[in-house]
Amino acid sequence: MNPIKSIIFDFDGVVVDSEPLYERAETELFLSYGIQIQAADLMDTKGLSEKMYLDIIKKRYHINAPTDELMKKGRRILKRIFSKELRYIHGFREFYQQIQTNYKTALVTSSSRNLLEWIFKFTPIRNHFSTIVTAEDVTHSKPHPEPYLNACRLLNVKPAECIVIEDSINGVNSAKNAGAMTIALKGKCTPARFENADYTVSNYSEIATLIESINQAGMSK
């Protein structure tokens, strides 16, 4: 086993407790077009880029509105909700303080850089990462490996030297396809099972214990 040099984080559902807020915003958006989307629509598109997600829903429900129109309207709704309610995932800040001096860190998200910068400016969420990969930084979104391969290149580490924390099947598959070790963080809006993840946990306390065990196993070899 390679020594772990980097911990890479997904954003939504891993750093911030945004998934229930996204669900509310998306429900409100599509209701304005007379569409009642289902929970399965949100689950199987989780982790995709905004454009990919909207294109899938448009095709599935035969929505004729341009994707750009849906994006602009959806972002207005989302920002209204985020500005009042967006918070960190429980345990993230304490965990990050523990690991930031010992590991290189990065953020890999399917969100746009514009939205991310807005969040850092207008909500209680702050930028903890020197390296960030957003939707604009890749040609292929999750589950393609490109987002995590880009992060590894920017961090100057090999994928096998990284642990990725994700909360979606598309995100886990992206990290696995890149060659990284994956930890799936289960939450209120995550799948029941993550078959491709190396480990599945329920909170950051479990992640801290798990990483300590992985490091000890690596040192004993």
C-alpha atoms as a PDB file:
ATOM      1  CA  MET A   1       0.000   0.000   0.000  1.00  0.00           C
ATOM      2  CA  ASN A   2       1.272   3.467  -0.914  1.00  0.00           C
ATOM      3  CA  PRO A   3       1.612   5.984   1.929  1.00  0.00           C
ATOM      4  CA  ILE A   4      -1.323   8.393   2.010  1.00  0.00           C
ATOM      5  CA  LYS A   5      -0.163  11.901   1.106  1.00  0.00           C
ATOM      6  CA  SER A   6      -3.439  13.608   0.217  1.00  0.00           C
ATOM      7  CA  ILE A   7      -7.082  13.729   1.246  1.00  0.00           C
ATOM      8  CA  ILE A   8      -9.466  15.019  -1.419  1.00  0.00           C
ATOM      9  CA  PHE A   9     -13.005  16.128  -0.639  1.00  0.00           C
ATOM     10  CA  ASP A  10     -16.177  16.310  -2.655  1.00  0.00           C
ATOM     11  CA  PHE A  11     -18.156  19.431  -1.710  1.00  0.00           C
ATOM     12  CA  ASP A  12     -21.922  18.876  -1.529  1.00  0.00           C
ATOM     13  CA  GLY A  13     -22.799  16.363   1.167  1.00  0.00           C
ATOM     14  CA  VAL A  14     -19.160  16.062   2.277  1.00  0.00           C
ATOM     15  CA  VAL A  15     -18.072  19.590   3.219  1.00  0.00           C
ATOM     16  CA  VAL A  16     -21.480  21.278   3.291  1.00  0.00           C
ATOM     17  CA  ASP A  17     -24.914  19.948   4.203  1.00  0.00           C
ATOM     18  CA  SER A  18     -26.402  21.084   0.912  1.00  0.00           C
ATOM     19  CA  GLU A  19     -28.125  18.027  -0.532  1.00  0.00           C
ATOM     20  CA  PRO A  20     -31.522  18.575   1.182  1.00  0.00           C
ATOM     21  CA  LEU A  21     -31.356  22.224   0.077  1.00  0.00           C
ATOM     22  CA  TYR A  22     -30.652  21.191  -3.520  1.00  0.00           C
ATOM     23  CA  GLU A  23     -33.643  18.860  -3.408  1.00  0.00           C
ATOM     24  CA  ARG A  24     -35.906  21.687  -2.264  1.00  0.00           C
ATOM     25  CA  ALA A  25     -34.560  24.062  -4.914  1.00  0.00           C
ATOM     26  CA  GLU A  26     -34.905  21.497  -7.697  1.00  0.00           C
ATOM     27  CA  THR A  27     -38.421  20.569  -6.612  1.00  0.00           C
ATOM     28  CA  GLU A  28     -39.403  24.255  -6.642  1.00  0.00           C
ATOM     29  CA  LEU A  29     -37.738  24.801 -10.020  1.00  0.00           C
ATOM     30  CA  PHE A  30     -39.490  21.955 -11.806  1.00  0.00           C
ATOM     31  CA  LEU A  31     -42.848  22.607 -10.156  1.00  0.00           C
ATOM     32  CA  SER A  32     -42.725  26.005 -11.861  1.00  0.00           C
ATOM     33  CA  TYR A  33     -42.825  24.019 -15.136  1.00  0.00           C
ATOM     34  CA  GLY A  34     -45.595  21.738 -13.885  1.00  0.00           C
ATOM     35  CA  ILE A  35     -43.236  18.813 -13.219  1.00  0.00           C
ATOM     36  CA  GLN A  36     -43.125  16.821  -9.969  1.00  0.00           C
ATOM     37  CA  ILE A  37     -39.710  15.152  -9.979  1.00  0.00           C
ATOM     38  CA  GLN A  38     -39.200  11.959  -8.007  1.00  0.00           C
ATOM     39  CA  ALA A  39     -36.637  11.047  -5.353  1.00  0.00           C
ATOM     40  CA  ALA A  40     -35.092   8.558  -7.794  1.00  0.00           C
ATOM     41  CA  ASP A  41     -34.428  11.399 -10.248  1.00  0.00           C
ATOM     42  CA  LEU A  42     -32.325  13.162  -7.649  1.00  0.00           C
ATOM     43  CA  MET A  43     -30.522  10.035  -6.468  1.00  0.00           C
ATOM     44  CA  ASP A  44     -29.360   8.620  -9.796  1.00  0.00           C
ATOM     45  CA  THR A  45     -28.104  12.011 -11.035  1.00  0.00           C
ATOM     46  CA  LYS A  46     -26.277  12.920  -7.821  1.00  0.00           C
ATOM     47  CA  GLY A  47     -22.698  14.039  -8.425  1.00  0.00           C
ATOM     48  CA  LEU A  48     -23.245  14.976 -12.074  1.00  0.00           C
ATOM     49  CA  SER A  49     -22.534  18.457 -13.379  1.00  0.00           C
ATOM     50  CA  GLU A  50     -25.414  20.928 -13.380  1.00  0.00           C
ATOM     51  CA  LYS A  51     -25.751  20.835 -17.170  1.00  0.00           C
ATOM     52  CA  MET A  52     -25.668  17.032 -17.356  1.00  0.00           C
ATOM     53  CA  TYR A  53     -28.299  16.796 -14.620  1.00  0.00           C
ATOM     54  CA  LEU A  54     -30.638  19.310 -16.253  1.00  0.00           C
ATOM     55  CA  ASP A  55     -30.261  17.727 -19.691  1.00  0.00           C
ATOM     56  CA  ILE A  56     -31.234  14.332 -18.242  1.00  0.00           C
ATOM     57  CA  ILE A  57     -34.293  15.714 -16.437  1.00  0.00           C
ATOM     58  CA  LYS A  58     -35.345  17.716 -19.514  1.00  0.00           C
ATOM     59  CA  LYS A  59     -35.266  14.593 -21.658  1.00  0.00           C
ATOM     60  CA  ARG A  60     -36.923  12.421 -19.026  1.00  0.00           C
ATOM     61  CA  TYR A  61     -39.872  14.794 -18.526  1.00  0.00           C
ATOM     62  CA  HIS A  62     -39.994  16.356 -22.009  1.00  0.00           C
ATOM     63  CA  ILE A  63     -39.286  19.893 -20.796  1.00  0.00           C
ATOM     64  CA  ASN A  64     -38.903  22.297 -23.717  1.00  0.00           C
ATOM     65  CA  ALA A  65     -37.245  25.169 -21.843  1.00  0.00           C
ATOM     66  CA  PRO A  66     -33.598  25.898 -22.768  1.00  0.00           C
ATOM     67  CA  THR A  67     -31.020  24.491 -20.362  1.00  0.00           C
ATOM     68  CA  ASP A  68     -29.570  27.976 -19.785  1.00  0.00           C
ATOM     69  CA  GLU A  69     -32.990  29.195 -18.659  1.00  0.00           C
ATOM     70  CA  LEU A  70     -33.301  26.311 -16.192  1.00  0.00           C
ATOM     71  CA  MET A  71     -29.790  26.958 -14.872  1.00  0.00           C
ATOM     72  CA  LYS A  72     -30.387  30.670 -14.272  1.00  0.00           C
ATOM     73  CA  LYS A  73     -33.757  30.140 -12.630  1.00  0.00           C
ATOM     74  CA  GLY A  74     -32.474  27.229 -10.551  1.00  0.00           C
ATOM     75  CA  ARG A  75     -29.467  29.189  -9.312  1.00  0.00           C
ATOM     76  CA  ARG A  76     -31.666  32.085  -8.194  1.00  0.00           C
ATOM     77  CA  ILE A  77     -33.785  29.688  -6.133  1.00  0.00           C
ATOM     78  CA  LEU A  78     -30.717  27.898  -4.777  1.00  0.00           C
ATOM     79  CA  LYS A  79     -28.947  31.091  -3.727  1.00  0.00           C
ATOM     80  CA  ARG A  80     -32.051  32.287  -1.891  1.00  0.00           C
ATOM     81  CA  ILE A  81     -32.111  29.046   0.112  1.00  0.00           C
ATOM     82  CA  PHE A  82     -28.331  28.784   0.571  1.00  0.00           C
ATOM     83  CA  SER A  83     -28.000  32.357   1.849  1.00  0.00           C
ATOM     84  CA  LYS A  84     -30.245  31.510   4.803  1.00  0.00           C
ATOM     85  CA  GLU A  85     -29.612  27.835   5.500  1.00  0.00           C
ATOM     86  CA  LEU A  86     -26.298  26.488   4.153  1.00  0.00           C
ATOM     87  CA  ARG A  87     -24.103  24.980   6.886  1.00  0.00           C
ATOM     88  CA  TYR A  88     -21.089  22.670   7.211  1.00  0.00           C
ATOM     89  CA  ILE A  89     -21.503  18.915   7.486  1.00  0.00           C
ATOM     90  CA  HIS A  90     -21.218  18.008  11.162  1.00  0.00           C
ATOM     91  CA  GLY A  91     -17.631  17.179  12.080  1.00  0.00           C
ATOM     92  CA  PHE A  92     -15.974  18.480   8.906  1.00  0.00           C
ATOM     93  CA  ARG A  93     -14.212  21.509  10.416  1.00  0.00           C
ATOM     94  CA  GLU A  94     -12.827  19.561  13.368  1.00  0.00           C
ATOM     95  CA  PHE A  95     -11.612  16.784  11.071  1.00  0.00           C
ATOM     96  CA  TYR A  96     -10.022  19.251   8.657  1.00  0.00           C
ATOM     97  CA  GLN A  97      -8.137  20.973  11.474  1.00  0.00           C
ATOM     98  CA  GLN A  98      -6.718  17.589  12.484  1.00  0.00           C
ATOM     99  CA  ILE A  99      -5.448  16.609   9.040  1.00  0.00           C
ATOM    100  CA  GLN A 100      -4.514  19.851   7.265  1.00  0.00           C
ATOM    101  CA  THR A 101      -0.894  19.966   8.472  1.00  0.00           C
ATOM    102  CA  ASN A 102      -0.173  16.320   7.617  1.00  0.00           C
ATOM    103  CA  TYR A 103      -1.856  15.934   4.229  1.00  0.00           C
ATOM    104  CA  LYS A 104      -2.211  17.847   1.012  1.00  0.00           C
ATOM    105  CA  THR A 105      -5.888  18.635   0.508  1.00  0.00           C
ATOM    106  CA  ALA A 106      -8.100  19.518  -2.433  1.00  0.00           C
ATOM    107  CA  LEU A 107     -11.738  20.079  -3.266  1.00  0.00           C
ATOM    108  CA  VAL A 108     -13.281  18.388  -6.320  1.00  0.00           C
ATOM    109  CA  THR A 109     -16.819  19.446  -7.160  1.00  0.00           C
ATOM    110  CA  SER A 110     -19.272  19.240 -10.040  1.00  0.00           C
ATOM    111  CA  SER A 111     -20.501  22.720  -9.098  1.00  0.00           C
ATOM    112  CA  SER A 112     -19.474  25.786 -11.077  1.00  0.00           C
ATOM    113  CA  ARG A 113     -16.642  28.005  -9.881  1.00  0.00           C
ATOM    114  CA  ASN A 114     -19.022  30.964  -9.955  1.00  0.00           C
ATOM    115  CA  LEU A 115     -21.416  29.274  -7.521  1.00  0.00           C
ATOM    116  CA  LEU A 116     -18.557  28.161  -5.286  1.00  0.00           C
ATOM    117  CA  GLU A 117     -17.162  31.700  -5.072  1.00  0.00           C
ATOM    118  CA  TRP A 118     -20.653  33.028  -4.318  1.00  0.00           C
ATOM    119  CA  ILE A 119     -20.986  30.494  -1.475  1.00  0.00           C
ATOM    120  CA  PHE A 120     -17.636  31.535   0.024  1.00  0.00           C
ATOM    121  CA  LYS A 121     -18.693  35.191  -0.106  1.00  0.00           C
ATOM    122  CA  PHE A 122     -22.351  35.137   0.939  1.00  0.00           C
ATOM    123  CA  THR A 123     -22.741  32.155   3.302  1.00  0.00           C
ATOM    124  CA  PRO A 124     -20.910  31.026   6.476  1.00  0.00           C
ATOM    125  CA  ILE A 125     -18.867  28.553   4.374  1.00  0.00           C
ATOM    126  CA  ARG A 126     -15.211  29.442   3.790  1.00  0.00           C
ATOM    127  CA  ASN A 127     -12.575  28.202   1.345  1.00  0.00           C
ATOM    128  CA  HIS A 128     -10.292  25.796   3.205  1.00  0.00           C
ATOM    129  CA  PHE A 129      -8.545  24.502   0.084  1.00  0.00           C
ATOM    130  CA  SER A 130      -5.589  25.750  -1.935  1.00  0.00           C
ATOM    131  CA  THR A 131      -6.483  23.368  -4.775  1.00  0.00           C
ATOM    132  CA  ILE A 132     -10.002  23.309  -6.227  1.00  0.00           C
ATOM    133  CA  VAL A 133     -11.312  21.507  -9.316  1.00  0.00           C
ATOM    134  CA  THR A 134     -14.743  22.667 -10.531  1.00  0.00           C
ATOM    135  CA  ALA A 135     -17.042  21.864 -13.455  1.00  0.00           C
ATOM    136  CA  GLU A 136     -15.237  24.398 -15.662  1.00  0.00           C
ATOM    137  CA  ASP A 137     -11.856  22.745 -15.088  1.00  0.00           C
ATOM    138  CA  VAL A 138     -12.702  19.460 -16.802  1.00  0.00           C
ATOM    139  CA  THR A 139     -13.940  18.209 -20.137  1.00  0.00           C
ATOM    140  CA  HIS A 140     -15.528  15.114 -18.613  1.00  0.00           C
ATOM    141  CA  SER A 141     -17.497  15.244 -15.346  1.00  0.00           C
ATOM    142  CA  LYS A 142     -17.896  12.543 -12.702  1.00  0.00           C
ATOM    143  CA  PRO A 143     -18.084   9.518 -12.997  1.00  0.00           C
ATOM    144  CA  HIS A 144     -15.223  10.037 -15.474  1.00  0.00           C
ATOM    145  CA  PRO A 145     -11.838   9.991 -13.665  1.00  0.00           C
ATOM    146  CA  GLU A 146     -10.725  13.361 -15.071  1.00  0.00           C
ATOM    147  CA  PRO A 147     -11.792  15.523 -12.077  1.00  0.00           C
ATOM    148  CA  TYR A 148      -9.750  13.483  -9.606  1.00  0.00           C
ATOM    149  CA  LEU A 149      -6.848  12.978 -11.996  1.00  0.00           C
ATOM    150  CA  ASN A 150      -6.692  16.773 -12.369  1.00  0.00           C
ATOM    151  CA  ALA A 151      -6.636  17.209  -8.600  1.00  0.00           C
ATOM    152  CA  CYS A 152      -3.805  14.689  -8.246  1.00  0.00           C
ATOM    153  CA  ARG A 153      -1.816  16.466 -10.946  1.00  0.00           C
ATOM    154  CA  LEU A 154      -2.264  19.829  -9.218  1.00  0.00           C
ATOM    155  CA  LEU A 155      -1.283  18.330  -5.856  1.00  0.00           C
ATOM    156  CA  ASN A 156       1.681  16.512  -7.438  1.00  0.00           C
ATOM    157  CA  VAL A 157       0.636  13.157  -5.982  1.00  0.00           C
ATOM    158  CA  LYS A 158      -0.248   9.789  -7.467  1.00  0.00           C
ATOM    159  CA  PRO A 159      -3.907   8.689  -7.270  1.00  0.00           C
ATOM    160  CA  ALA A 160      -2.825   5.672  -5.218  1.00  0.00           C
ATOM    161  CA  GLU A 161      -1.456   8.111  -2.624  1.00  0.00           C
ATOM    162  CA  CYS A 162      -4.871   9.744  -2.149  1.00  0.00           C
ATOM    163  CA  ILE A 163      -7.980   9.133  -0.120  1.00  0.00           C
ATOM    164  CA  VAL A 164     -11.151  10.602  -1.620  1.00  0.00           C
ATOM    165  CA  ILE A 165     -14.220  11.317   0.513  1.00  0.00           C
ATOM    166  CA  GLU A 166     -17.430  11.194  -1.534  1.00  0.00           C
ATOM    167  CA  ASP A 167     -21.165  10.862  -0.979  1.00  0.00           C
ATOM    168  CA  SER A 168     -22.467   9.836  -4.414  1.00  0.00           C
ATOM    169  CA  ILE A 169     -22.120   6.762  -6.599  1.00  0.00           C
ATOM    170  CA  ASN A 170     -20.956   8.917  -9.526  1.00  0.00           C
ATOM    171  CA  GLY A 171     -18.333  10.535  -7.306  1.00  0.00           C
ATOM    172  CA  VAL A 172     -17.097   7.239  -5.876  1.00  0.00           C
ATOM    173  CA  ASN A 173     -16.820   5.783  -9.373  1.00  0.00           C
ATOM    174  CA  SER A 174     -14.909   8.857 -10.565  1.00  0.00           C
ATOM    175  CA  ALA A 175     -12.352   8.489  -7.780  1.00  0.00           C
ATOM    176  CA  LYS A 176     -12.080   4.715  -8.228  1.00  0.00           C
ATOM    177  CA  ASN A 177     -11.641   5.113 -11.980  1.00  0.00           C
ATOM    178  CA  ALA A 178      -8.802   7.530 -11.238  1.00  0.00           C
ATOM    179  CA  GLY A 179      -7.108   4.934  -9.026  1.00  0.00           C
ATOM    180  CA  ALA A 180      -7.707   6.532  -5.615  1.00  0.00           C
ATOM    181  CA  MET A 181      -8.888   4.939  -2.388  1.00  0.00           C
ATOM    182  CA  THR A 182     -12.478   5.945  -1.645  1.00  0.00           C
ATOM    183  CA  ILE A 183     -14.455   6.574   1.519  1.00  0.00           C
ATOM    184  CA  ALA A 184     -18.216   6.925   1.032  1.00  0.00           C
ATOM    185  CA  LEU A 185     -19.844   9.212   3.596  1.00  0.00           C
ATOM    186  CA  LYS A 186     -23.454   8.198   4.100  1.00  0.00           C
ATOM    187  CA  GLY A 187     -26.069  10.849   4.783  1.00  0.00           C
ATOM    188  CA  LYS A 188     -29.775  11.592   4.567  1.00  0.00           C
ATOM    189  CA  CYS A 189     -29.644  11.912   0.771  1.00  0.00           C
ATOM    190  CA  THR A 190     -27.202   9.133  -0.127  1.00  0.00           C
ATOM    191  CA  PRO A 191     -27.770   5.650  -1.583  1.00  0.00           C
ATOM    192  CA  ALA A 192     -28.330   2.711   0.748  1.00  0.00           C
ATOM    193  CA  ARG A 193     -25.171   1.019  -0.562  1.00  0.00           C
ATOM    194  CA  PHE A 194     -21.884   2.077  -2.149  1.00  0.00           C
ATOM    195  CA  GLU A 195     -20.716  -1.131  -3.782  1.00  0.00           C
ATOM    196  CA  ASN A 196     -17.558   0.319  -5.348  1.00  0.00           C
ATOM    197  CA  ALA A 197     -16.323   2.290  -2.337  1.00  0.00           C
ATOM    198  CA  ASP A 198     -13.373   0.901  -0.399  1.00  0.00           C
ATOM    199  CA  TYR A 199     -15.011   1.967   2.858  1.00  0.00           C
ATOM    200  CA  THR A 200     -18.418   3.295   3.897  1.00  0.00           C
ATOM    201  CA  VAL A 201     -18.853   5.430   7.016  1.00  0.00           C
ATOM    202  CA  SER A 202     -21.553   7.508   8.691  1.00  0.00           C
ATOM    203  CA  ASN A 203     -19.609  10.458  10.126  1.00  0.00           C
ATOM    204  CA  TYR A 204     -16.248  12.206  10.366  1.00  0.00           C
ATOM    205  CA  SER A 205     -15.320  10.506  13.632  1.00  0.00           C
ATOM    206  CA  GLU A 206     -15.391   7.196  11.766  1.00  0.00           C
ATOM    207  CA  ILE A 207     -13.317   8.714   8.950  1.00  0.00           C
ATOM    208  CA  ALA A 208     -10.648   9.901  11.406  1.00  0.00           C
ATOM    209  CA  THR A 209     -10.437   6.446  12.997  1.00  0.00           C
ATOM    210  CA  LEU A 210     -10.357   4.762   9.593  1.00  0.00           C
ATOM    211  CA  ILE A 211      -7.531   6.933   8.248  1.00  0.00           C
ATOM    212  CA  GLU A 212      -5.491   6.283  11.382  1.00  0.00           C
ATOM    213  CA  SER A 213      -5.969   2.534  10.857  1.00  0.00           C
ATOM    214  CA  ILE A 214      -5.004   2.794   7.177  1.00  0.00           C
ATOM    215  CA  ASN A 215      -1.829   4.673   8.084  1.00  0.00           C
ATOM    216  CA  GLN A 216      -0.902   2.156  10.770  1.00  0.00           C
ATOM    217  CA  ALA A 217      -1.445  -0.714   8.334  1.00  0.00           C
ATOM    218  CA  GLY A 218       0.760   1.042   5.792  1.00  0.00           C
ATOM    219  CA  MET A 219       3.566   1.590   8.296  1.00  0.00           C
ATOM    220  CA  SER A 220       3.514  -2.046   9.399  1.00  0.00           C
ATOM    221  CA  LYS A 221       4.239  -3.291   5.862  1.00  0.00           C
END
